[in-house]
Amino acid sequence: MNGTGRDRRWFLPETPDVIGLLRAQTAVTLEGLDALATWAGGDAAAAQVVRDAEPRGDIAKREVLNAVREAFILQLEPEDVFTLSRGVDRILDHARDLVEEAEAMSVTPDPGIAEMVTLMVEATRQIDHAIGHLGRDDDRATAAADSAIETARELEHVYYRDTAKLLEIEEMRQRIGLRELYRRCDRISEVVIDVAERIVYAVVKES
C-alpha cells in the first residue's frame, strides 16, 4: 500500500527539546544551590534540601542523556549536550559534598563560604541563561557564559583572599575544616568555568 507524506511522518523520530531538558536539570541544580546559600547563611536545616536535590538532579540528567540516545536530530551536538549535562550535575554533586564535609568535620560555614556560595548561585544562573539562548541567539549565549566565567573568577578571588585569613584562626580543627570547605567551593568554581567555556565552544562550532 502506498503511503502518503502524512503517513510517513508517523515513522520519523521526534526531535527532543534538549535545551529545555538541560534547563530543567539546571533548575534542579539551582534549587540545590539556593538551599546551599541558605545553609551557608546559618540555616543548618537547609542542608537536607541540598541533599534532596541531588538525586533529583540525577534523574534530570538521565532524561537528558536518554533524549540524546534516542534522538535522530538534536539542537546541539551530542557531545556538547553530554558535557553540559555532566557539568551541571557535578556542580550539584559538589554542593552536596560541601554540606556532607562540613557536617562530618563539625564545621559551620563562615562569611567567606557564604560569599562564595552566593557567587556560585549567580554564576550558575548565568549558565542557565546561556543555555537558554543556545541555538537562538549566539551573542547572548556567549555573553551570559562570559558573565558566568567572570563571576566564577570573583569566587576564586574570595577563595584566595579569605584562605589567607584562615591562618589567623588558632583552633586547628576549625582552621583545617574551613580550609577543606574552601577548597570544595573553589572546585565548584572550576566546574562552572568548564561548563561556561563549553557553551562558548558549542557556539563557535555552530558558527
N, C-alpha and C. Protein backbone atom coordinates (compact mmCIF):
# COMPACT_ATOMS: atom_id res chain seq x y z
N MET A 1 0.86 -1.18 0.00
CA MET A 1 0.00 0.00 0.00
C MET A 1 0.90 1.23 0.00
N ASN A 2 0.58 2.16 -0.90
CA ASN A 2 1.36 3.37 -0.99
C ASN A 2 1.02 4.30 0.17
N GLY A 3 2.04 4.84 0.81
CA GLY A 3 1.80 5.75 1.93
C GLY A 3 1.91 7.19 1.48
N THR A 4 1.16 8.03 2.05
CA THR A 4 1.25 9.46 1.76
C THR A 4 2.34 10.07 2.63
N GLY A 5 2.67 11.35 2.34
CA GLY A 5 3.65 12.04 3.15
C GLY A 5 3.20 12.11 4.60
N ARG A 6 1.86 12.26 4.77
CA ARG A 6 1.33 12.32 6.15
C ARG A 6 1.55 11.00 6.87
N ASP A 7 1.36 9.89 6.14
CA ASP A 7 1.58 8.57 6.76
C ASP A 7 3.03 8.39 7.16
N ARG A 8 3.95 8.82 6.27
CA ARG A 8 5.36 8.60 6.53
C ARG A 8 5.86 9.40 7.72
N ARG A 9 5.22 10.52 8.01
CA ARG A 9 5.68 11.33 9.14
C ARG A 9 5.51 10.60 10.47
N TRP A 10 4.61 9.61 10.49
CA TRP A 10 4.43 8.85 11.72
C TRP A 10 5.69 8.07 12.08
N PHE A 11 6.54 7.79 11.08
CA PHE A 11 7.71 6.95 11.32
C PHE A 11 8.98 7.77 11.56
N LEU A 12 8.87 9.09 11.46
CA LEU A 12 10.05 9.91 11.71
C LEU A 12 10.26 10.10 13.21
N PRO A 13 11.49 9.96 13.67
CA PRO A 13 11.75 10.14 15.10
C PRO A 13 11.53 11.59 15.52
N GLU A 14 11.10 11.77 16.76
CA GLU A 14 10.88 13.11 17.25
C GLU A 14 12.21 13.79 17.56
N THR A 15 12.20 15.11 17.51
CA THR A 15 13.36 15.89 17.90
C THR A 15 13.11 16.43 19.31
N PRO A 16 13.78 15.88 20.31
CA PRO A 16 13.51 16.30 21.69
C PRO A 16 14.04 17.71 21.95
N ASP A 17 13.45 18.38 22.89
CA ASP A 17 13.88 19.71 23.29
C ASP A 17 15.02 19.57 24.30
N VAL A 18 16.22 19.34 23.80
CA VAL A 18 17.35 19.13 24.71
C VAL A 18 17.69 20.40 25.48
N ILE A 19 17.46 21.55 24.86
CA ILE A 19 17.70 22.80 25.57
C ILE A 19 16.76 22.89 26.78
N GLY A 20 15.50 22.56 26.55
CA GLY A 20 14.54 22.56 27.65
C GLY A 20 14.90 21.56 28.72
N LEU A 21 15.38 20.39 28.31
CA LEU A 21 15.77 19.37 29.29
C LEU A 21 17.01 19.80 30.08
N LEU A 22 17.96 20.42 29.39
CA LEU A 22 19.14 20.93 30.09
C LEU A 22 18.76 22.01 31.09
N ARG A 23 17.83 22.87 30.71
CA ARG A 23 17.41 23.92 31.62
C ARG A 23 16.61 23.34 32.80
N ALA A 24 15.87 22.29 32.55
CA ALA A 24 15.15 21.64 33.65
C ALA A 24 16.15 21.05 34.64
N GLN A 25 17.22 20.45 34.12
CA GLN A 25 18.26 19.93 35.00
C GLN A 25 18.95 21.06 35.76
N THR A 26 19.24 22.15 35.06
CA THR A 26 19.88 23.29 35.71
C THR A 26 18.99 23.89 36.78
N ALA A 27 17.67 23.85 36.55
CA ALA A 27 16.72 24.37 37.55
C ALA A 27 16.83 23.59 38.86
N VAL A 28 17.00 22.27 38.76
CA VAL A 28 17.16 21.46 39.96
C VAL A 28 18.47 21.82 40.67
N THR A 29 19.53 22.00 39.88
CA THR A 29 20.81 22.40 40.46
C THR A 29 20.69 23.74 41.17
N LEU A 30 19.97 24.67 40.56
CA LEU A 30 19.78 25.98 41.19
C LEU A 30 18.97 25.88 42.48
N GLU A 31 18.00 24.98 42.52
CA GLU A 31 17.25 24.77 43.76
C GLU A 31 18.20 24.32 44.87
N GLY A 32 19.08 23.39 44.50
CA GLY A 32 20.06 22.91 45.48
C GLY A 32 21.01 24.01 45.92
N LEU A 33 21.44 24.84 44.98
CA LEU A 33 22.37 25.91 45.32
C LEU A 33 21.70 27.01 46.14
N ASP A 34 20.44 27.30 45.84
CA ASP A 34 19.71 28.27 46.67
C ASP A 34 19.63 27.78 48.11
N ALA A 35 19.38 26.48 48.27
CA ALA A 35 19.35 25.91 49.62
C ALA A 35 20.74 25.94 50.25
N LEU A 36 21.77 25.74 49.42
CA LEU A 36 23.14 25.80 49.93
C LEU A 36 23.45 27.20 50.45
N ALA A 37 22.96 28.23 49.74
CA ALA A 37 23.17 29.60 50.18
C ALA A 37 22.47 29.85 51.51
N THR A 38 21.27 29.29 51.67
CA THR A 38 20.55 29.41 52.94
C THR A 38 21.33 28.74 54.05
N TRP A 39 21.85 27.55 53.76
CA TRP A 39 22.67 26.81 54.73
C TRP A 39 23.91 27.60 55.10
N ALA A 40 24.59 28.14 54.08
CA ALA A 40 25.82 28.90 54.33
C ALA A 40 25.54 30.17 55.12
N GLY A 41 24.29 30.65 55.04
CA GLY A 41 23.91 31.83 55.79
C GLY A 41 23.54 31.54 57.23
N GLY A 42 23.58 30.27 57.63
CA GLY A 42 23.36 29.93 59.02
C GLY A 42 22.18 29.02 59.32
N ASP A 43 21.42 28.63 58.28
CA ASP A 43 20.26 27.75 58.49
C ASP A 43 20.68 26.29 58.25
N ALA A 44 21.03 25.59 59.30
CA ALA A 44 21.53 24.22 59.18
C ALA A 44 20.51 23.28 58.56
N ALA A 45 19.22 23.55 58.77
CA ALA A 45 18.18 22.66 58.25
C ALA A 45 18.15 22.63 56.73
N ALA A 46 18.67 23.67 56.08
CA ALA A 46 18.67 23.73 54.61
C ALA A 46 19.60 22.69 54.00
N ALA A 47 20.48 22.10 54.81
CA ALA A 47 21.38 21.07 54.30
C ALA A 47 20.59 19.91 53.70
N GLN A 48 19.47 19.56 54.32
CA GLN A 48 18.67 18.44 53.82
C GLN A 48 18.06 18.77 52.46
N VAL A 49 17.72 20.01 52.23
CA VAL A 49 17.18 20.40 50.93
C VAL A 49 18.23 20.20 49.85
N VAL A 50 19.49 20.50 50.18
CA VAL A 50 20.58 20.26 49.23
C VAL A 50 20.69 18.77 48.92
N ARG A 51 20.64 17.97 49.96
CA ARG A 51 20.73 16.52 49.76
C ARG A 51 19.56 16.01 48.91
N ASP A 52 18.39 16.49 49.17
CA ASP A 52 17.21 16.02 48.44
C ASP A 52 17.26 16.41 46.96
N ALA A 53 17.92 17.51 46.66
CA ALA A 53 18.01 17.95 45.26
C ALA A 53 18.94 17.05 44.45
N GLU A 54 19.95 16.48 45.09
CA GLU A 54 20.97 15.73 44.34
C GLU A 54 20.40 14.54 43.56
N PRO A 55 19.59 13.65 44.16
CA PRO A 55 19.03 12.55 43.36
C PRO A 55 18.06 13.03 42.28
N ARG A 56 17.37 14.15 42.55
CA ARG A 56 16.51 14.71 41.52
C ARG A 56 17.33 15.21 40.34
N GLY A 57 18.51 15.73 40.65
CA GLY A 57 19.41 16.15 39.58
C GLY A 57 19.87 14.98 38.74
N ASP A 58 20.10 13.84 39.39
CA ASP A 58 20.49 12.63 38.65
C ASP A 58 19.38 12.18 37.69
N ILE A 59 18.15 12.28 38.15
CA ILE A 59 17.02 11.91 37.30
C ILE A 59 16.93 12.85 36.09
N ALA A 60 17.09 14.14 36.35
CA ALA A 60 17.03 15.11 35.25
C ALA A 60 18.17 14.88 34.26
N LYS A 61 19.34 14.54 34.78
CA LYS A 61 20.48 14.24 33.90
C LYS A 61 20.17 13.01 33.04
N ARG A 62 19.56 11.99 33.64
CA ARG A 62 19.23 10.78 32.90
C ARG A 62 18.24 11.08 31.77
N GLU A 63 17.32 11.98 32.01
CA GLU A 63 16.36 12.35 30.98
C GLU A 63 17.06 13.04 29.81
N VAL A 64 18.05 13.86 30.12
CA VAL A 64 18.82 14.50 29.06
C VAL A 64 19.56 13.45 28.23
N LEU A 65 20.23 12.52 28.90
CA LEU A 65 21.02 11.52 28.20
C LEU A 65 20.13 10.55 27.41
N ASN A 66 18.96 10.24 27.94
CA ASN A 66 18.02 9.39 27.19
C ASN A 66 17.59 10.08 25.90
N ALA A 67 17.38 11.38 25.97
CA ALA A 67 16.99 12.14 24.79
C ALA A 67 18.10 12.12 23.74
N VAL A 68 19.33 12.23 24.21
CA VAL A 68 20.48 12.19 23.28
C VAL A 68 20.57 10.82 22.61
N ARG A 69 20.35 9.77 23.37
CA ARG A 69 20.48 8.42 22.84
C ARG A 69 19.38 8.09 21.83
N GLU A 70 18.18 8.61 22.06
CA GLU A 70 17.04 8.22 21.24
C GLU A 70 16.77 9.15 20.07
N ALA A 71 17.35 10.34 20.10
CA ALA A 71 17.00 11.35 19.09
C ALA A 71 17.73 11.10 17.77
N PHE A 72 17.07 11.44 16.69
CA PHE A 72 17.67 11.39 15.36
C PHE A 72 18.33 12.74 15.06
N ILE A 73 17.71 13.81 15.46
CA ILE A 73 18.23 15.15 15.25
C ILE A 73 18.19 15.88 16.60
N LEU A 74 19.29 16.61 16.90
CA LEU A 74 19.37 17.37 18.14
C LEU A 74 19.66 18.84 17.83
N GLN A 75 19.31 19.70 18.77
CA GLN A 75 19.60 21.13 18.61
C GLN A 75 21.09 21.41 18.80
N LEU A 76 21.79 20.54 19.51
CA LEU A 76 23.22 20.67 19.75
C LEU A 76 23.90 19.36 19.42
N GLU A 77 25.22 19.41 19.29
CA GLU A 77 25.99 18.18 19.11
C GLU A 77 25.84 17.30 20.35
N PRO A 78 25.68 15.99 20.18
CA PRO A 78 25.52 15.10 21.34
C PRO A 78 26.64 15.26 22.37
N GLU A 79 27.86 15.44 21.91
CA GLU A 79 28.99 15.59 22.84
C GLU A 79 28.82 16.84 23.70
N ASP A 80 28.32 17.92 23.10
CA ASP A 80 28.11 19.16 23.86
C ASP A 80 27.00 18.98 24.89
N VAL A 81 25.92 18.31 24.49
CA VAL A 81 24.82 18.07 25.42
C VAL A 81 25.31 17.24 26.60
N PHE A 82 26.04 16.17 26.30
CA PHE A 82 26.54 15.30 27.36
C PHE A 82 27.46 16.07 28.31
N THR A 83 28.39 16.87 27.76
CA THR A 83 29.34 17.59 28.58
C THR A 83 28.66 18.63 29.46
N LEU A 84 27.69 19.34 28.89
CA LEU A 84 26.97 20.34 29.67
C LEU A 84 26.16 19.69 30.79
N SER A 85 25.47 18.61 30.47
CA SER A 85 24.67 17.92 31.48
C SER A 85 25.55 17.38 32.59
N ARG A 86 26.67 16.80 32.23
CA ARG A 86 27.59 16.26 33.24
C ARG A 86 28.12 17.38 34.14
N GLY A 87 28.46 18.52 33.54
CA GLY A 87 28.98 19.63 34.32
C GLY A 87 27.96 20.19 35.29
N VAL A 88 26.73 20.37 34.82
CA VAL A 88 25.66 20.87 35.69
C VAL A 88 25.43 19.90 36.84
N ASP A 89 25.51 18.61 36.55
CA ASP A 89 25.34 17.59 37.59
C ASP A 89 26.47 17.65 38.61
N ARG A 90 27.68 17.89 38.15
CA ARG A 90 28.82 17.94 39.06
C ARG A 90 28.73 19.14 40.01
N ILE A 91 28.18 20.25 39.52
CA ILE A 91 28.00 21.40 40.40
C ILE A 91 27.14 21.02 41.59
N LEU A 92 26.04 20.33 41.31
CA LEU A 92 25.14 19.92 42.39
C LEU A 92 25.78 18.85 43.27
N ASP A 93 26.52 17.94 42.67
CA ASP A 93 27.22 16.91 43.46
C ASP A 93 28.19 17.55 44.45
N HIS A 94 28.95 18.52 43.97
CA HIS A 94 29.92 19.19 44.84
C HIS A 94 29.21 19.99 45.94
N ALA A 95 28.05 20.55 45.61
CA ALA A 95 27.28 21.28 46.62
C ALA A 95 26.86 20.33 47.74
N ARG A 96 26.37 19.16 47.35
CA ARG A 96 26.01 18.15 48.35
C ARG A 96 27.23 17.73 49.18
N ASP A 97 28.36 17.54 48.50
CA ASP A 97 29.58 17.14 49.19
C ASP A 97 30.05 18.22 50.17
N LEU A 98 29.83 19.48 49.81
CA LEU A 98 30.23 20.57 50.70
C LEU A 98 29.48 20.46 52.03
N VAL A 99 28.19 20.20 51.95
CA VAL A 99 27.38 20.03 53.15
C VAL A 99 27.84 18.81 53.94
N GLU A 100 28.08 17.71 53.24
CA GLU A 100 28.49 16.47 53.92
C GLU A 100 29.83 16.64 54.62
N GLU A 101 30.77 17.30 53.96
CA GLU A 101 32.08 17.52 54.57
C GLU A 101 31.97 18.39 55.81
N ALA A 102 31.16 19.44 55.70
CA ALA A 102 31.01 20.35 56.84
C ALA A 102 30.45 19.62 58.05
N GLU A 103 29.45 18.79 57.83
CA GLU A 103 28.83 18.08 58.94
C GLU A 103 29.77 16.99 59.48
N ALA A 104 30.51 16.33 58.59
CA ALA A 104 31.44 15.29 59.04
C ALA A 104 32.55 15.88 59.92
N MET A 105 32.96 17.12 59.61
CA MET A 105 34.03 17.75 60.38
C MET A 105 33.50 18.66 61.48
N SER A 106 32.15 18.73 61.60
CA SER A 106 31.52 19.60 62.60
C SER A 106 32.01 21.04 62.48
N VAL A 107 32.02 21.51 61.24
CA VAL A 107 32.45 22.88 60.96
C VAL A 107 31.28 23.65 60.37
N THR A 108 31.02 24.83 60.89
CA THR A 108 29.95 25.66 60.35
C THR A 108 30.53 26.63 59.33
N PRO A 109 29.77 26.94 58.27
CA PRO A 109 30.29 27.86 57.25
C PRO A 109 30.51 29.26 57.81
N ASP A 110 31.55 29.91 57.32
CA ASP A 110 31.86 31.27 57.76
C ASP A 110 31.44 32.27 56.68
N PRO A 111 31.61 33.56 56.90
CA PRO A 111 31.20 34.54 55.89
C PRO A 111 31.87 34.36 54.53
N GLY A 112 33.10 33.87 54.52
CA GLY A 112 33.78 33.63 53.25
C GLY A 112 33.06 32.58 52.42
N ILE A 113 32.65 31.49 53.06
CA ILE A 113 31.91 30.45 52.35
C ILE A 113 30.57 30.98 51.89
N ALA A 114 29.89 31.76 52.73
CA ALA A 114 28.61 32.33 52.34
C ALA A 114 28.76 33.21 51.11
N GLU A 115 29.82 34.00 51.06
CA GLU A 115 30.05 34.87 49.90
C GLU A 115 30.35 34.04 48.65
N MET A 116 31.15 33.00 48.80
CA MET A 116 31.47 32.16 47.65
C MET A 116 30.24 31.44 47.12
N VAL A 117 29.39 30.97 48.01
CA VAL A 117 28.17 30.27 47.58
C VAL A 117 27.24 31.24 46.86
N THR A 118 27.14 32.46 47.34
CA THR A 118 26.31 33.45 46.65
C THR A 118 26.79 33.66 45.22
N LEU A 119 28.09 33.76 45.04
CA LEU A 119 28.65 33.90 43.69
C LEU A 119 28.42 32.64 42.86
N MET A 120 28.47 31.50 43.52
CA MET A 120 28.22 30.22 42.86
C MET A 120 26.80 30.18 42.26
N VAL A 121 25.84 30.64 43.05
CA VAL A 121 24.45 30.69 42.59
C VAL A 121 24.33 31.63 41.40
N GLU A 122 24.94 32.80 41.52
CA GLU A 122 24.86 33.78 40.44
C GLU A 122 25.46 33.24 39.14
N ALA A 123 26.62 32.60 39.24
CA ALA A 123 27.28 32.06 38.05
C ALA A 123 26.45 30.95 37.41
N THR A 124 25.85 30.10 38.22
CA THR A 124 25.04 29.01 37.69
C THR A 124 23.77 29.55 37.03
N ARG A 125 23.22 30.63 37.58
CA ARG A 125 22.06 31.26 36.95
C ARG A 125 22.44 31.84 35.59
N GLN A 126 23.64 32.37 35.49
CA GLN A 126 24.12 32.90 34.21
C GLN A 126 24.33 31.76 33.21
N ILE A 127 24.77 30.61 33.69
CA ILE A 127 24.88 29.44 32.82
C ILE A 127 23.52 29.04 32.29
N ASP A 128 22.51 29.06 33.16
CA ASP A 128 21.16 28.74 32.73
C ASP A 128 20.70 29.68 31.62
N HIS A 129 20.97 30.97 31.79
CA HIS A 129 20.60 31.94 30.75
C HIS A 129 21.34 31.63 29.44
N ALA A 130 22.61 31.28 29.55
CA ALA A 130 23.39 30.98 28.36
C ALA A 130 22.82 29.76 27.63
N ILE A 131 22.49 28.72 28.37
CA ILE A 131 21.91 27.52 27.75
C ILE A 131 20.60 27.87 27.07
N GLY A 132 19.81 28.72 27.69
CA GLY A 132 18.52 29.09 27.12
C GLY A 132 18.64 29.80 25.79
N HIS A 133 19.77 30.46 25.55
CA HIS A 133 19.96 31.19 24.29
C HIS A 133 20.66 30.36 23.21
N LEU A 134 21.16 29.17 23.58
CA LEU A 134 21.86 28.35 22.61
C LEU A 134 20.96 28.02 21.42
N GLY A 135 21.50 28.19 20.23
CA GLY A 135 20.75 27.87 19.02
C GLY A 135 19.75 28.93 18.61
N ARG A 136 19.58 29.97 19.43
CA ARG A 136 18.62 31.03 19.12
C ARG A 136 19.28 32.40 19.03
N ASP A 137 20.18 32.66 19.97
CA ASP A 137 20.87 33.95 19.99
C ASP A 137 22.29 33.70 20.49
N ASP A 138 23.19 33.45 19.55
CA ASP A 138 24.56 33.07 19.92
C ASP A 138 25.28 34.17 20.70
N ASP A 139 25.02 35.42 20.35
CA ASP A 139 25.70 36.52 21.04
C ASP A 139 25.29 36.57 22.51
N ARG A 140 24.01 36.40 22.77
CA ARG A 140 23.54 36.43 24.16
C ARG A 140 23.99 35.20 24.92
N ALA A 141 24.05 34.05 24.25
CA ALA A 141 24.55 32.83 24.90
C ALA A 141 26.00 33.01 25.31
N THR A 142 26.79 33.57 24.40
CA THR A 142 28.21 33.79 24.71
C THR A 142 28.39 34.82 25.81
N ALA A 143 27.59 35.90 25.75
CA ALA A 143 27.71 36.94 26.77
C ALA A 143 27.36 36.40 28.15
N ALA A 144 26.31 35.58 28.23
CA ALA A 144 25.92 35.00 29.53
C ALA A 144 26.99 34.04 30.02
N ALA A 145 27.57 33.25 29.11
CA ALA A 145 28.63 32.32 29.50
C ALA A 145 29.86 33.09 29.99
N ASP A 146 30.19 34.19 29.30
CA ASP A 146 31.32 35.01 29.73
C ASP A 146 31.06 35.61 31.11
N SER A 147 29.81 35.99 31.37
CA SER A 147 29.46 36.54 32.69
C SER A 147 29.62 35.48 33.77
N ALA A 148 29.26 34.24 33.44
CA ALA A 148 29.42 33.14 34.40
C ALA A 148 30.89 32.93 34.73
N ILE A 149 31.73 33.02 33.72
CA ILE A 149 33.17 32.86 33.94
C ILE A 149 33.70 33.99 34.81
N GLU A 150 33.26 35.21 34.54
CA GLU A 150 33.69 36.36 35.32
C GLU A 150 33.26 36.23 36.79
N THR A 151 32.04 35.77 37.00
CA THR A 151 31.55 35.58 38.37
C THR A 151 32.33 34.49 39.09
N ALA A 152 32.63 33.40 38.37
CA ALA A 152 33.43 32.32 38.96
C ALA A 152 34.83 32.81 39.32
N ARG A 153 35.37 33.72 38.52
CA ARG A 153 36.67 34.30 38.84
C ARG A 153 36.59 35.14 40.12
N GLU A 154 35.45 35.81 40.32
CA GLU A 154 35.25 36.55 41.57
C GLU A 154 35.27 35.60 42.75
N LEU A 155 34.64 34.43 42.58
CA LEU A 155 34.65 33.42 43.63
C LEU A 155 36.08 33.01 43.96
N GLU A 156 36.88 32.82 42.94
CA GLU A 156 38.27 32.44 43.15
C GLU A 156 39.02 33.53 43.92
N HIS A 157 38.69 34.78 43.62
CA HIS A 157 39.32 35.89 44.34
C HIS A 157 38.97 35.83 45.83
N VAL A 158 37.71 35.56 46.13
CA VAL A 158 37.30 35.43 47.54
C VAL A 158 38.03 34.25 48.18
N TYR A 159 38.16 33.16 47.43
CA TYR A 159 38.84 31.97 47.94
C TYR A 159 40.27 32.31 48.38
N TYR A 160 41.03 32.97 47.51
CA TYR A 160 42.42 33.29 47.85
C TYR A 160 42.50 34.33 48.96
N ARG A 161 41.60 35.31 48.91
CA ARG A 161 41.61 36.37 49.93
C ARG A 161 41.33 35.81 51.32
N ASP A 162 40.28 34.97 51.41
CA ASP A 162 39.87 34.50 52.74
C ASP A 162 40.66 33.28 53.20
N THR A 163 41.27 32.56 52.28
CA THR A 163 42.14 31.46 52.70
C THR A 163 43.30 31.99 53.54
N ALA A 164 43.83 33.13 53.13
CA ALA A 164 44.92 33.74 53.90
C ALA A 164 44.44 34.09 55.32
N LYS A 165 43.19 34.49 55.45
CA LYS A 165 42.66 34.85 56.77
C LYS A 165 42.53 33.64 57.70
N LEU A 166 42.42 32.45 57.11
CA LEU A 166 42.27 31.25 57.94
C LEU A 166 43.48 31.02 58.83
N LEU A 167 44.63 31.53 58.42
CA LEU A 167 45.85 31.37 59.22
C LEU A 167 45.73 32.06 60.57
N GLU A 168 44.78 33.00 60.69
CA GLU A 168 44.60 33.72 61.93
C GLU A 168 43.77 32.94 62.95
N ILE A 169 43.14 31.82 62.50
CA ILE A 169 42.32 31.01 63.40
C ILE A 169 43.23 30.11 64.23
N GLU A 170 43.16 30.25 65.53
CA GLU A 170 44.06 29.50 66.40
C GLU A 170 43.64 28.04 66.54
N GLU A 171 42.35 27.78 66.59
CA GLU A 171 41.88 26.41 66.79
C GLU A 171 42.12 25.59 65.53
N MET A 172 42.97 24.56 65.61
CA MET A 172 43.45 23.86 64.43
C MET A 172 42.33 23.12 63.70
N ARG A 173 41.43 22.47 64.43
CA ARG A 173 40.36 21.71 63.78
C ARG A 173 39.48 22.62 62.93
N GLN A 174 39.13 23.77 63.47
CA GLN A 174 38.31 24.73 62.73
C GLN A 174 39.05 25.25 61.50
N ARG A 175 40.33 25.54 61.67
CA ARG A 175 41.12 26.06 60.56
C ARG A 175 41.24 25.05 59.43
N ILE A 176 41.53 23.79 59.77
CA ILE A 176 41.68 22.75 58.75
C ILE A 176 40.33 22.46 58.10
N GLY A 177 39.27 22.41 58.91
CA GLY A 177 37.95 22.13 58.36
C GLY A 177 37.50 23.19 57.37
N LEU A 178 37.66 24.45 57.73
CA LEU A 178 37.27 25.53 56.82
C LEU A 178 38.11 25.51 55.55
N ARG A 179 39.38 25.17 55.71
CA ARG A 179 40.26 25.08 54.54
C ARG A 179 39.71 24.06 53.54
N GLU A 180 39.24 22.92 54.01
CA GLU A 180 38.69 21.91 53.12
C GLU A 180 37.41 22.40 52.45
N LEU A 181 36.58 23.10 53.20
CA LEU A 181 35.34 23.63 52.61
C LEU A 181 35.65 24.70 51.56
N TYR A 182 36.67 25.49 51.83
CA TYR A 182 37.08 26.50 50.85
C TYR A 182 37.53 25.82 49.55
N ARG A 183 38.28 24.75 49.70
CA ARG A 183 38.75 24.02 48.51
C ARG A 183 37.59 23.47 47.71
N ARG A 184 36.56 22.99 48.40
CA ARG A 184 35.37 22.47 47.71
C ARG A 184 34.69 23.60 46.92
N CYS A 185 34.59 24.76 47.51
CA CYS A 185 33.99 25.89 46.79
C CYS A 185 34.82 26.25 45.56
N ASP A 186 36.13 26.21 45.71
CA ASP A 186 37.00 26.52 44.57
C ASP A 186 36.83 25.49 43.46
N ARG A 187 36.65 24.23 43.82
CA ARG A 187 36.44 23.20 42.80
C ARG A 187 35.13 23.44 42.05
N ILE A 188 34.12 23.91 42.76
CA ILE A 188 32.85 24.20 42.10
C ILE A 188 33.04 25.33 41.10
N SER A 189 33.83 26.34 41.45
CA SER A 189 34.08 27.44 40.51
C SER A 189 34.77 26.93 39.25
N GLU A 190 35.64 25.94 39.40
CA GLU A 190 36.33 25.36 38.24
C GLU A 190 35.34 24.64 37.33
N VAL A 191 34.38 23.93 37.93
CA VAL A 191 33.37 23.24 37.13
C VAL A 191 32.49 24.25 36.40
N VAL A 192 32.11 25.32 37.09
CA VAL A 192 31.31 26.37 36.46
C VAL A 192 32.02 26.93 35.23
N ILE A 193 33.31 27.19 35.38
CA ILE A 193 34.08 27.72 34.25
C ILE A 193 34.13 26.72 33.11
N ASP A 194 34.32 25.45 33.42
CA ASP A 194 34.34 24.41 32.37
C ASP A 194 33.02 24.39 31.60
N VAL A 195 31.89 24.46 32.32
CA VAL A 195 30.58 24.43 31.68
C VAL A 195 30.41 25.67 30.80
N ALA A 196 30.76 26.83 31.32
CA ALA A 196 30.61 28.08 30.56
C ALA A 196 31.49 28.06 29.31
N GLU A 197 32.70 27.56 29.44
CA GLU A 197 33.59 27.51 28.27
C GLU A 197 33.07 26.51 27.23
N ARG A 198 32.39 25.47 27.69
CA ARG A 198 31.81 24.51 26.75
C ARG A 198 30.68 25.16 25.96
N ILE A 199 29.93 26.03 26.61
CA ILE A 199 28.87 26.75 25.92
C ILE A 199 29.47 27.63 24.82
N VAL A 200 30.54 28.33 25.16
CA VAL A 200 31.21 29.17 24.17
C VAL A 200 31.71 28.32 23.01
N TYR A 201 32.28 27.17 23.32
CA TYR A 201 32.79 26.25 22.28
C TYR A 201 31.66 25.76 21.39
N ALA A 202 30.51 25.43 21.99
CA ALA A 202 29.38 24.97 21.22
C ALA A 202 28.90 26.04 20.24
N VAL A 203 28.92 27.29 20.68
CA VAL A 203 28.54 28.38 19.81
C VAL A 203 29.53 28.53 18.66
N VAL A 204 30.81 28.44 18.97
CA VAL A 204 31.85 28.57 17.93
C VAL A 204 31.69 27.48 16.88
N LYS A 205 31.41 26.26 17.30
CA LYS A 205 31.27 25.15 16.35
C LYS A 205 30.10 25.36 15.41
N GLU A 206 29.05 26.00 15.91
CA GLU A 206 27.85 26.20 15.08
C GLU A 206 27.94 27.42 14.19
N SER A 207 29.00 28.23 14.41
CA SER A 207 29.14 29.48 13.64
C SER A 207 29.54 29.20 12.19
